[in-house]
Amino acid sequence: MPTPVVAVLVGVLVVTLVVFVVLVVVLVRRLARVAGELRALEQRIGPALTELQARAALASAELDRVGEAMDSGWRDPTRGADRSTG
């Protein structure tokens, strides 16, 4: 009588293996599709990101310049007060 039990176990293992292989194939296909979409998105937003990086560099340089001016005793022309002393 162990033969039917072994047959059932082997059948269950084969079905489990087939399900696992199908799952892996589906996941790999989805991953490939997502990778393609990511590449397309990167190409679409790449120029905008480059422009933002350039603007950020300009803004950083301007902030550095303003900070240095304030550290050296910059006066607010609208108030006539020395902002460095509070």
Protein backbone atom coordinates (compact mmCIF):
# COMPACT_ATOMS: atom_id res chain seq x y z
CA MET A 1 0.00 0.00 0.00
CA PRO A 2 2.85 2.51 0.17
CA THR A 3 2.77 2.88 -3.62
CA PRO A 4 -0.38 5.10 -3.73
CA VAL A 5 1.04 7.31 -0.96
CA VAL A 6 4.33 7.67 -2.81
CA ALA A 7 2.46 8.41 -6.03
CA VAL A 8 0.41 11.12 -4.31
CA LEU A 9 3.53 12.66 -2.77
CA VAL A 10 5.37 12.62 -6.09
CA GLY A 11 2.31 14.15 -7.78
CA VAL A 12 2.11 16.91 -5.18
CA LEU A 13 5.83 17.60 -5.53
CA VAL A 14 5.58 17.75 -9.33
CA VAL A 15 2.60 20.12 -9.17
CA THR A 16 4.44 22.28 -6.62
CA LEU A 17 7.52 22.37 -8.83
CA VAL A 18 5.47 23.32 -11.90
CA VAL A 19 3.71 26.09 -9.97
CA PHE A 20 7.07 27.35 -8.71
CA VAL A 21 8.57 27.40 -12.22
CA VAL A 22 5.52 29.21 -13.62
CA LEU A 23 5.71 31.74 -10.78
CA VAL A 24 9.40 32.39 -11.46
CA VAL A 25 8.74 32.84 -15.19
CA VAL A 26 5.91 35.30 -14.51
CA LEU A 27 8.03 37.26 -12.04
CA VAL A 28 10.97 37.45 -14.46
CA ARG A 29 8.68 38.71 -17.23
CA ARG A 30 7.20 41.36 -14.94
CA LEU A 31 10.68 42.39 -13.84
CA ALA A 32 11.76 42.76 -17.47
CA ARG A 33 8.69 44.87 -18.22
CA VAL A 34 9.31 47.10 -15.19
CA ALA A 35 12.96 47.49 -16.21
CA GLY A 36 11.86 48.62 -19.67
CA GLU A 37 9.39 51.09 -18.20
CA LEU A 38 12.10 52.42 -15.89
CA ARG A 39 14.48 52.93 -18.83
CA ALA A 40 11.75 54.78 -20.75
CA LEU A 41 10.99 56.95 -17.72
CA GLU A 42 14.67 57.73 -17.27
CA GLN A 43 14.93 58.82 -20.91
CA ARG A 44 11.82 60.94 -20.55
CA ILE A 45 12.87 62.80 -17.40
CA GLY A 46 16.64 62.81 -18.01
CA PRO A 47 16.77 66.26 -19.63
CA ALA A 48 14.64 67.78 -16.87
CA LEU A 49 16.89 66.27 -14.21
CA THR A 50 19.97 67.66 -15.94
CA GLU A 51 18.38 71.11 -16.04
CA LEU A 52 17.45 70.88 -12.36
CA GLN A 53 21.02 69.92 -11.46
CA ALA A 54 22.33 72.94 -13.35
CA ARG A 55 19.82 75.23 -11.62
CA ALA A 56 20.73 73.74 -8.25
CA ALA A 57 24.41 74.46 -8.89
CA LEU A 58 23.58 78.07 -9.77
CA ALA A 59 21.37 78.45 -6.70
CA SER A 60 24.06 76.97 -4.48
CA ALA A 61 26.65 79.38 -5.86
CA GLU A 62 24.29 82.30 -5.32
CA LEU A 63 23.56 81.21 -1.76
CA ASP A 64 27.28 80.91 -1.08
CA ARG A 65 27.83 84.41 -2.45
CA VAL A 66 25.02 85.86 -0.34
CA GLY A 67 26.26 84.02 2.75
CA GLU A 68 29.76 85.36 2.27
CA ALA A 69 28.38 88.88 1.78
CA MET A 70 26.37 88.60 4.98
CA ASP A 71 29.37 87.29 6.89
CA SER A 72 31.44 90.26 5.76
CA GLY A 73 29.01 92.80 7.22
CA TRP A 74 26.40 93.15 4.52
CA ARG A 75 23.96 95.99 5.07
CA ASP A 76 20.32 95.75 4.09
CA PRO A 77 19.75 98.74 1.81
CA THR A 78 16.03 98.87 2.68
CA ARG A 79 16.67 99.15 6.42
CA GLY A 80 20.04 100.79 6.60
CA ALA A 81 21.00 98.46 9.44
CA ASP A 82 23.94 96.13 9.76
CA ARG A 83 22.38 92.68 9.56
CA SER A 84 25.50 90.95 10.85
CA THR A 85 24.99 92.40 14.35
CA GLY A 86 21.42 91.31 14.66
